[in-house]
Amino acid sequence: MDRMAPTDQGGRRRELTLIVRAYCHLCDEMRAAVLPLAEAAGCPVHEIDVDTDPALEARWGERVPVLLGGARELCHYRVDRAALSAWLGSL
């Protein structure tokens, strides 16, 4: 049985967004740290390659990887386990 994606109090689906780029070792490290925690919480992770979207590249540039919880930046470069755990705990 598939678990339903978590929702906020308004019933909107909650997910994490990981903004990455190809050939980025920090992106690989953040992905490896985030995915097991998100999976355990039943929270989907949507990945976006920053280099495929000029607007994202202009906004985030060299600041990737970036982990977003909804529209809120949780961390960049390295996973902030406390911020991620708090966000996942609020689901």
PDB file of N, CA and C in Angstrom:
ATOM      1  N   MET A   1       0.839  -1.186   0.000  1.00  0.00           N
ATOM      2  CA  MET A   1       0.000   0.000   0.000  1.00  0.00           C
ATOM      3  C   MET A   1       0.880   1.244   0.000  1.00  0.00           C
ATOM      4  N   ASP A   2       0.643   2.166  -0.915  1.00  0.00           N
ATOM      5  CA  ASP A   2       1.396   3.410  -0.985  1.00  0.00           C
ATOM      6  C   ASP A   2       0.913   4.368   0.091  1.00  0.00           C
ATOM      7  N   ARG A   3       1.875   5.048   0.698  1.00  0.00           N
ATOM      8  CA  ARG A   3       1.520   6.072   1.669  1.00  0.00           C
ATOM      9  C   ARG A   3       1.153   7.342   0.921  1.00  0.00           C
ATOM     10  N   MET A   4       0.168   8.023   1.439  1.00  0.00           N
ATOM     11  CA  MET A   4      -0.238   9.288   0.838  1.00  0.00           C
ATOM     12  C   MET A   4       0.825  10.340   1.140  1.00  0.00           C
ATOM     13  N   ALA A   5       1.040  11.260   0.212  1.00  0.00           N
ATOM     14  CA  ALA A   5       1.968  12.365   0.447  1.00  0.00           C
ATOM     15  C   ALA A   5       1.390  13.239   1.547  1.00  0.00           C
ATOM     16  N   PRO A   6       2.242  13.747   2.439  1.00  0.00           N
ATOM     17  CA  PRO A   6       1.751  14.589   3.518  1.00  0.00           C
ATOM     18  C   PRO A   6       1.149  15.882   2.977  1.00  0.00           C
ATOM     19  N   THR A   7       0.227  16.413   3.749  1.00  0.00           N
ATOM     20  CA  THR A   7      -0.400  17.682   3.383  1.00  0.00           C
ATOM     21  C   THR A   7      -0.295  18.650   4.550  1.00  0.00           C
ATOM     22  N   ASP A   8      -0.418  19.934   4.252  1.00  0.00           N
ATOM     23  CA  ASP A   8      -0.422  20.927   5.326  1.00  0.00           C
ATOM     24  C   ASP A   8      -1.845  21.081   5.841  1.00  0.00           C
ATOM     25  N   GLN A   9      -2.055  22.019   6.743  1.00  0.00           N
ATOM     26  CA  GLN A   9      -3.375  22.202   7.345  1.00  0.00           C
ATOM     27  C   GLN A   9      -4.427  22.613   6.327  1.00  0.00           C
ATOM     28  N   GLY A  10      -3.992  23.213   5.224  1.00  0.00           N
ATOM     29  CA  GLY A  10      -4.923  23.603   4.172  1.00  0.00           C
ATOM     30  C   GLY A  10      -5.198  22.483   3.183  1.00  0.00           C
ATOM     31  N   GLY A  11      -4.617  21.305   3.404  1.00  0.00           N
ATOM     32  CA  GLY A  11      -4.830  20.174   2.525  1.00  0.00           C
ATOM     33  C   GLY A  11      -3.928  20.158   1.309  1.00  0.00           C
ATOM     34  N   ARG A  12      -2.966  21.102   1.223  1.00  0.00           N
ATOM     35  CA  ARG A  12      -2.044  21.126   0.090  1.00  0.00           C
ATOM     36  C   ARG A  12      -0.946  20.092   0.309  1.00  0.00           C
ATOM     37  N   ARG A  13      -0.559  19.437  -0.741  1.00  0.00           N
ATOM     38  CA  ARG A  13       0.497  18.438  -0.677  1.00  0.00           C
ATOM     39  C   ARG A  13       1.820  19.099  -0.306  1.00  0.00           C
ATOM     40  N   ARG A  14       2.545  18.497   0.625  1.00  0.00           N
ATOM     41  CA  ARG A  14       3.838  19.025   1.057  1.00  0.00           C
ATOM     42  C   ARG A  14       4.932  18.160   0.444  1.00  0.00           C
ATOM     43  N   GLU A  15       5.931  18.819  -0.089  1.00  0.00           N
ATOM     44  CA  GLU A  15       7.065  18.101  -0.645  1.00  0.00           C
ATOM     45  C   GLU A  15       8.324  18.929  -0.496  1.00  0.00           C
ATOM     46  N   LEU A  16       9.428  18.242  -0.566  1.00  0.00           N
ATOM     47  CA  LEU A  16      10.734  18.884  -0.566  1.00  0.00           C
ATOM     48  C   LEU A  16      11.175  19.078  -2.002  1.00  0.00           C
ATOM     49  N   THR A  17      11.897  20.146  -2.243  1.00  0.00           N
ATOM     50  CA  THR A  17      12.490  20.381  -3.558  1.00  0.00           C
ATOM     51  C   THR A  17      13.989  20.508  -3.363  1.00  0.00           C
ATOM     52  N   LEU A  18      14.719  19.729  -4.126  1.00  0.00           N
ATOM     53  CA  LEU A  18      16.170  19.756  -4.083  1.00  0.00           C
ATOM     54  C   LEU A  18      16.665  20.344  -5.396  1.00  0.00           C
ATOM     55  N   ILE A  19      17.288  21.511  -5.307  1.00  0.00           N
ATOM     56  CA  ILE A  19      17.811  22.183  -6.495  1.00  0.00           C
ATOM     57  C   ILE A  19      19.280  21.796  -6.614  1.00  0.00           C
ATOM     58  N   VAL A  20      19.610  21.173  -7.743  1.00  0.00           N
ATOM     59  CA  VAL A  20      20.935  20.582  -7.943  1.00  0.00           C
ATOM     60  C   VAL A  20      21.488  20.952  -9.310  1.00  0.00           C
ATOM     61  N   ARG A  21      22.693  20.484  -9.562  1.00  0.00           N
ATOM     62  CA  ARG A  21      23.244  20.528 -10.915  1.00  0.00           C
ATOM     63  C   ARG A  21      24.038  19.248 -11.125  1.00  0.00           C
ATOM     64  N   ALA A  22      24.207  18.899 -12.381  1.00  0.00           N
ATOM     65  CA  ALA A  22      24.953  17.691 -12.732  1.00  0.00           C
ATOM     66  C   ALA A  22      26.415  17.849 -12.325  1.00  0.00           C
ATOM     67  N   TYR A  23      27.033  16.737 -11.996  1.00  0.00           N
ATOM     68  CA  TYR A  23      28.462  16.695 -11.667  1.00  0.00           C
ATOM     69  C   TYR A  23      28.803  17.568 -10.471  1.00  0.00           C
ATOM     70  N   CYS A  24      27.933  17.576  -9.474  1.00  0.00           N
ATOM     71  CA  CYS A  24      28.123  18.383  -8.270  1.00  0.00           C
ATOM     72  C   CYS A  24      28.209  17.432  -7.080  1.00  0.00           C
ATOM     73  N   HIS A  25      29.395  17.318  -6.495  1.00  0.00           N
ATOM     74  CA  HIS A  25      29.552  16.371  -5.383  1.00  0.00           C
ATOM     75  C   HIS A  25      28.755  16.800  -4.153  1.00  0.00           C
ATOM     76  N   LEU A  26      28.593  18.103  -3.923  1.00  0.00           N
ATOM     77  CA  LEU A  26      27.766  18.547  -2.804  1.00  0.00           C
ATOM     78  C   LEU A  26      26.300  18.166  -3.024  1.00  0.00           C
ATOM     79  N   CYS A  27      25.863  18.223  -4.270  1.00  0.00           N
ATOM     80  CA  CYS A  27      24.495  17.820  -4.596  1.00  0.00           C
ATOM     81  C   CYS A  27      24.298  16.335  -4.320  1.00  0.00           C
ATOM     82  N   ASP A  28      25.283  15.533  -4.699  1.00  0.00           N
ATOM     83  CA  ASP A  28      25.214  14.094  -4.433  1.00  0.00           C
ATOM     84  C   ASP A  28      25.158  13.811  -2.941  1.00  0.00           C
ATOM     85  N   GLU A  29      25.966  14.539  -2.169  1.00  0.00           N
ATOM     86  CA  GLU A  29      25.990  14.348  -0.720  1.00  0.00           C
ATOM     87  C   GLU A  29      24.665  14.752  -0.083  1.00  0.00           C
ATOM     88  N   MET A  30      24.097  15.885  -0.521  1.00  0.00           N
ATOM     89  CA  MET A  30      22.827  16.314   0.062  1.00  0.00           C
ATOM     90  C   MET A  30      21.719  15.337  -0.306  1.00  0.00           C
ATOM     91  N   ARG A  31      21.691  14.893  -1.546  1.00  0.00           N
ATOM     92  CA  ARG A  31      20.680  13.925  -1.986  1.00  0.00           C
ATOM     93  C   ARG A  31      20.749  12.672  -1.112  1.00  0.00           C
ATOM     94  N   ALA A  32      21.959  12.163  -0.885  1.00  0.00           N
ATOM     95  CA  ALA A  32      22.140  10.945  -0.090  1.00  0.00           C
ATOM     96  C   ALA A  32      21.692  11.138   1.358  1.00  0.00           C
ATOM     97  N   ALA A  33      21.826  12.346   1.881  1.00  0.00           N
ATOM     98  CA  ALA A  33      21.418  12.619   3.253  1.00  0.00           C
ATOM     99  C   ALA A  33      19.912  12.846   3.371  1.00  0.00           C
ATOM    100  N   VAL A  34      19.326  13.495   2.376  1.00  0.00           N
ATOM    101  CA  VAL A  34      17.916  13.889   2.438  1.00  0.00           C
ATOM    102  C   VAL A  34      16.971  12.740   2.107  1.00  0.00           C
ATOM    103  N   LEU A  35      17.267  11.977   1.071  1.00  0.00           N
ATOM    104  CA  LEU A  35      16.316  10.978   0.593  1.00  0.00           C
ATOM    105  C   LEU A  35      15.878   9.971   1.654  1.00  0.00           C
ATOM    106  N   PRO A  36      16.776   9.383   2.448  1.00  0.00           N
ATOM    107  CA  PRO A  36      16.295   8.427   3.448  1.00  0.00           C
ATOM    108  C   PRO A  36      15.381   9.060   4.503  1.00  0.00           C
ATOM    109  N   LEU A  37      15.692  10.279   4.918  1.00  0.00           N
ATOM    110  CA  LEU A  37      14.864  10.957   5.921  1.00  0.00           C
ATOM    111  C   LEU A  37      13.493  11.303   5.353  1.00  0.00           C
ATOM    112  N   ALA A  38      13.477  11.794   4.116  1.00  0.00           N
ATOM    113  CA  ALA A  38      12.210  12.139   3.473  1.00  0.00           C
ATOM    114  C   ALA A  38      11.365  10.890   3.241  1.00  0.00           C
ATOM    115  N   GLU A  39      12.005   9.822   2.795  1.00  0.00           N
ATOM    116  CA  GLU A  39      11.274   8.575   2.549  1.00  0.00           C
ATOM    117  C   GLU A  39      10.669   8.042   3.847  1.00  0.00           C
ATOM    118  N   ALA A  40      11.425   8.090   4.929  1.00  0.00           N
ATOM    119  CA  ALA A  40      10.919   7.608   6.218  1.00  0.00           C
ATOM    120  C   ALA A  40       9.704   8.413   6.677  1.00  0.00           C
ATOM    121  N   ALA A  41       9.656   9.695   6.308  1.00  0.00           N
ATOM    122  CA  ALA A  41       8.536  10.561   6.672  1.00  0.00           C
ATOM    123  C   ALA A  41       7.404  10.497   5.648  1.00  0.00           C
ATOM    124  N   GLY A  42       7.611   9.764   4.551  1.00  0.00           N
ATOM    125  CA  GLY A  42       6.599   9.685   3.503  1.00  0.00           C
ATOM    126  C   GLY A  42       6.476  10.964   2.706  1.00  0.00           C
ATOM    127  N   CYS A  43       7.560  11.709   2.641  1.00  0.00           N
ATOM    128  CA  CYS A  43       7.545  13.006   1.963  1.00  0.00           C
ATOM    129  C   CYS A  43       8.270  12.910   0.623  1.00  0.00           C
ATOM    130  N   PRO A  44       7.605  13.249  -0.474  1.00  0.00           N
ATOM    131  CA  PRO A  44       8.272  13.203  -1.773  1.00  0.00           C
ATOM    132  C   PRO A  44       9.342  14.289  -1.906  1.00  0.00           C
ATOM    133  N   VAL A  45      10.356  13.968  -2.690  1.00  0.00           N
ATOM    134  CA  VAL A  45      11.427  14.918  -2.995  1.00  0.00           C
ATOM    135  C   VAL A  45      11.429  15.140  -4.495  1.00  0.00           C
ATOM    136  N   HIS A  46      11.254  16.382  -4.889  1.00  0.00           N
ATOM    137  CA  HIS A  46      11.254  16.767  -6.302  1.00  0.00           C
ATOM    138  C   HIS A  46      12.614  17.399  -6.588  1.00  0.00           C
ATOM    139  N   GLU A  47      13.299  16.898  -7.593  1.00  0.00           N
ATOM    140  CA  GLU A  47      14.621  17.431  -7.945  1.00  0.00           C
ATOM    141  C   GLU A  47      14.540  18.291  -9.184  1.00  0.00           C
ATOM    142  N   ILE A  48      15.240  19.424  -9.149  1.00  0.00           N
ATOM    143  CA  ILE A  48      15.300  20.321 -10.304  1.00  0.00           C
ATOM    144  C   ILE A  48      16.764  20.633 -10.584  1.00  0.00           C
ATOM    145  N   ASP A  49      17.166  20.480 -11.830  1.00  0.00           N
ATOM    146  CA  ASP A  49      18.512  20.856 -12.254  1.00  0.00           C
ATOM    147  C   ASP A  49      18.510  22.353 -12.532  1.00  0.00           C
ATOM    148  N   VAL A  50      19.273  23.090 -11.733  1.00  0.00           N
ATOM    149  CA  VAL A  50      19.293  24.549 -11.814  1.00  0.00           C
ATOM    150  C   VAL A  50      19.705  25.036 -13.208  1.00  0.00           C
ATOM    151  N   ASP A  51      20.505  24.256 -13.916  1.00  0.00           N
ATOM    152  CA  ASP A  51      21.008  24.675 -15.225  1.00  0.00           C
ATOM    153  C   ASP A  51      19.987  24.513 -16.344  1.00  0.00           C
ATOM    154  N   THR A  52      18.812  23.948 -16.051  1.00  0.00           N
ATOM    155  CA  THR A  52      17.781  23.790 -17.075  1.00  0.00           C
ATOM    156  C   THR A  52      16.802  24.953 -17.102  1.00  0.00           C
ATOM    157  N   ASP A  53      16.954  25.887 -16.168  1.00  0.00           N
ATOM    158  CA  ASP A  53      16.006  26.992 -16.061  1.00  0.00           C
ATOM    159  C   ASP A  53      16.773  28.282 -15.781  1.00  0.00           C
ATOM    160  N   PRO A  54      16.804  29.215 -16.739  1.00  0.00           N
ATOM    161  CA  PRO A  54      17.554  30.452 -16.549  1.00  0.00           C
ATOM    162  C   PRO A  54      17.140  31.240 -15.303  1.00  0.00           C
ATOM    163  N   ALA A  55      15.863  31.226 -14.957  1.00  0.00           N
ATOM    164  CA  ALA A  55      15.409  31.961 -13.774  1.00  0.00           C
ATOM    165  C   ALA A  55      15.971  31.338 -12.495  1.00  0.00           C
ATOM    166  N   LEU A  56      15.976  30.009 -12.441  1.00  0.00           N
ATOM    167  CA  LEU A  56      16.555  29.337 -11.274  1.00  0.00           C
ATOM    168  C   LEU A  56      18.057  29.564 -11.206  1.00  0.00           C
ATOM    169  N   GLU A  57      18.714  29.509 -12.348  1.00  0.00           N
ATOM    170  CA  GLU A  57      20.160  29.719 -12.378  1.00  0.00           C
ATOM    171  C   GLU A  57      20.488  31.134 -11.912  1.00  0.00           C
ATOM    172  N   ALA A  58      19.682  32.094 -12.337  1.00  0.00           N
ATOM    173  CA  ALA A  58      19.907  33.478 -11.916  1.00  0.00           C
ATOM    174  C   ALA A  58      19.691  33.643 -10.414  1.00  0.00           C
ATOM    175  N   ARG A  59      18.709  32.949  -9.878  1.00  0.00           N
ATOM    176  CA  ARG A  59      18.408  33.077  -8.449  1.00  0.00           C
ATOM    177  C   ARG A  59      19.405  32.329  -7.577  1.00  0.00           C
ATOM    178  N   TRP A  60      19.731  31.080  -7.936  1.00  0.00           N
ATOM    179  CA  TRP A  60      20.539  30.240  -7.063  1.00  0.00           C
ATOM    180  C   TRP A  60      21.995  30.166  -7.475  1.00  0.00           C
ATOM    181  N   GLY A  61      22.283  30.320  -8.770  1.00  0.00           N
ATOM    182  CA  GLY A  61      23.657  30.346  -9.267  1.00  0.00           C
ATOM    183  C   GLY A  61      24.555  29.275  -8.689  1.00  0.00           C
ATOM    184  N   GLU A  62      25.610  29.706  -8.038  1.00  0.00           N
ATOM    185  CA  GLU A  62      26.594  28.776  -7.466  1.00  0.00           C
ATOM    186  C   GLU A  62      26.209  28.323  -6.057  1.00  0.00           C
ATOM    187  N   ARG A  63      25.030  28.676  -5.603  1.00  0.00           N
ATOM    188  CA  ARG A  63      24.622  28.371  -4.236  1.00  0.00           C
ATOM    189  C   ARG A  63      24.008  26.980  -4.084  1.00  0.00           C
ATOM    190  N   VAL A  64      24.045  26.159  -5.095  1.00  0.00           N
ATOM    191  CA  VAL A  64      23.457  24.824  -5.038  1.00  0.00           C
ATOM    192  C   VAL A  64      24.413  23.854  -4.347  1.00  0.00           C
ATOM    193  N   PRO A  65      23.900  22.807  -3.778  1.00  0.00           N
ATOM    194  CA  PRO A  65      22.493  22.418  -3.715  1.00  0.00           C
ATOM    195  C   PRO A  65      21.719  23.261  -2.716  1.00  0.00           C
ATOM    196  N   VAL A  66      20.424  23.368  -2.996  1.00  0.00           N
ATOM    197  CA  VAL A  66      19.506  24.069  -2.106  1.00  0.00           C
ATOM    198  C   VAL A  66      18.342  23.126  -1.826  1.00  0.00           C
ATOM    199  N   LEU A  67      17.965  23.033  -0.563  1.00  0.00           N
ATOM    200  CA  LEU A  67      16.821  22.218  -0.176  1.00  0.00           C
ATOM    201  C   LEU A  67      15.705  23.144   0.269  1.00  0.00           C
ATOM    202  N   LEU A  68      14.562  23.017  -0.406  1.00  0.00           N
ATOM    203  CA  LEU A  68      13.382  23.821  -0.088  1.00  0.00           C
ATOM    204  C   LEU A  68      12.317  22.933   0.526  1.00  0.00           C
ATOM    205  N   GLY A  69      11.709  23.402   1.576  1.00  0.00           N
ATOM    206  CA  GLY A  69      10.532  22.771   2.160  1.00  0.00           C
ATOM    207  C   GLY A  69       9.356  23.651   1.809  1.00  0.00           C
ATOM    208  N   GLY A  70       8.585  23.230   0.810  1.00  0.00           N
ATOM    209  CA  GLY A  70       7.572  24.132   0.264  1.00  0.00           C
ATOM    210  C   GLY A  70       8.310  25.271  -0.411  1.00  0.00           C
ATOM    211  N   ALA A  71       8.015  26.505  -0.022  1.00  0.00           N
ATOM    212  CA  ALA A  71       8.697  27.669  -0.598  1.00  0.00           C
ATOM    213  C   ALA A  71       9.837  28.161   0.291  1.00  0.00           C
ATOM    214  N   ARG A  72      10.030  27.509   1.432  1.00  0.00           N
ATOM    215  CA  ARG A  72      11.031  27.954   2.413  1.00  0.00           C
ATOM    216  C   ARG A  72      12.367  27.253   2.203  1.00  0.00           C
ATOM    217  N   GLU A  73      13.450  28.029   2.160  1.00  0.00           N
ATOM    218  CA  GLU A  73      14.783  27.438   2.066  1.00  0.00           C
ATOM    219  C   GLU A  73      15.139  26.835   3.422  1.00  0.00           C
ATOM    220  N   LEU A  74      15.432  25.534   3.415  1.00  0.00           N
ATOM    221  CA  LEU A  74      15.832  24.854   4.641  1.00  0.00           C
ATOM    222  C   LEU A  74      17.348  24.883   4.816  1.00  0.00           C
ATOM    223  N   CYS A  75      18.069  24.748   3.707  1.00  0.00           N
ATOM    224  CA  CYS A  75      19.527  24.773   3.775  1.00  0.00           C
ATOM    225  C   CYS A  75      20.106  24.822   2.368  1.00  0.00           C
ATOM    226  N   HIS A  76      21.399  25.138   2.306  1.00  0.00           N
ATOM    227  CA  HIS A  76      22.117  25.078   1.031  1.00  0.00           C
ATOM    228  C   HIS A  76      23.540  24.592   1.308  1.00  0.00           C
ATOM    229  N   TYR A  77      24.184  24.119   0.288  1.00  0.00           N
ATOM    230  CA  TYR A  77      25.518  23.506   0.315  1.00  0.00           C
ATOM    231  C   TYR A  77      25.527  22.180   1.081  1.00  0.00           C
ATOM    232  N   ARG A  78      25.185  22.185   2.335  1.00  0.00           N
ATOM    233  CA  ARG A  78      25.171  20.973   3.162  1.00  0.00           C
ATOM    234  C   ARG A  78      23.826  20.870   3.866  1.00  0.00           C
ATOM    235  N   VAL A  79      23.382  19.648   4.104  1.00  0.00           N
ATOM    236  CA  VAL A  79      22.093  19.458   4.762  1.00  0.00           C
ATOM    237  C   VAL A  79      22.170  19.942   6.210  1.00  0.00           C
ATOM    238  N   ASP A  80      21.159  20.681   6.610  1.00  0.00           N
ATOM    239  CA  ASP A  80      20.979  21.101   7.992  1.00  0.00           C
ATOM    240  C   ASP A  80      19.970  20.115   8.580  1.00  0.00           C
ATOM    241  N   ARG A  81      20.477  19.098   9.252  1.00  0.00           N
ATOM    242  CA  ARG A  81      19.612  18.026   9.760  1.00  0.00           C
ATOM    243  C   ARG A  81      18.568  18.550  10.742  1.00  0.00           C
ATOM    244  N   ALA A  82      18.932  19.519  11.563  1.00  0.00           N
ATOM    245  CA  ALA A  82      17.974  20.065  12.526  1.00  0.00           C
ATOM    246  C   ALA A  82      16.819  20.750  11.800  1.00  0.00           C
ATOM    247  N   ALA A  83      17.124  21.564  10.789  1.00  0.00           N
ATOM    248  CA  ALA A  83      16.071  22.264  10.038  1.00  0.00           C
ATOM    249  C   ALA A  83      15.207  21.274   9.268  1.00  0.00           C
ATOM    250  N   LEU A  84      15.839  20.268   8.663  1.00  0.00           N
ATOM    251  CA  LEU A  84      15.084  19.263   7.911  1.00  0.00           C
ATOM    252  C   LEU A  84      14.195  18.454   8.848  1.00  0.00           C
ATOM    253  N   SER A  85      14.737  18.015   9.965  1.00  0.00           N
ATOM    254  CA  SER A  85      13.962  17.230  10.924  1.00  0.00           C
ATOM    255  C   SER A  85      12.788  18.037  11.464  1.00  0.00           C
ATOM    256  N   ALA A  86      13.005  19.309  11.759  1.00  0.00           N
ATOM    257  CA  ALA A  86      11.924  20.157  12.251  1.00  0.00           C
ATOM    258  C   ALA A  86      10.833  20.308  11.192  1.00  0.00           C
ATOM    259  N   TRP A  87      11.245  20.503   9.934  1.00  0.00           N
ATOM    260  CA  TRP A  87      10.262  20.659   8.862  1.00  0.00           C
ATOM    261  C   TRP A  87       9.486  19.363   8.665  1.00  0.00           C
ATOM    262  N   LEU A  88      10.198  18.238   8.635  1.00  0.00           N
ATOM    263  CA  LEU A  88       9.520  16.945   8.472  1.00  0.00           C
ATOM    264  C   LEU A  88       8.614  16.647   9.666  1.00  0.00           C
ATOM    265  N   GLY A  89       9.051  17.063  10.851  1.00  0.00           N
ATOM    266  CA  GLY A  89       8.242  16.850  12.048  1.00  0.00           C
ATOM    267  C   GLY A  89       6.970  17.670  12.067  1.00  0.00           C
ATOM    268  N   SER A  90       6.918  18.727  11.259  1.00  0.00           N
ATOM    269  CA  SER A  90       5.726  19.577  11.207  1.00  0.00           C
ATOM    270  C   SER A  90       4.691  19.047  10.234  1.00  0.00           C
ATOM    271  N   LEU A  91       4.999  17.957   9.551  1.00  0.00           N
ATOM    272  CA  LEU A  91       4.061  17.406   8.564  1.00  0.00           C
ATOM    273  C   LEU A  91       2.859  16.778   9.239  1.00  0.00           C
TER     274      LEU A  91
END
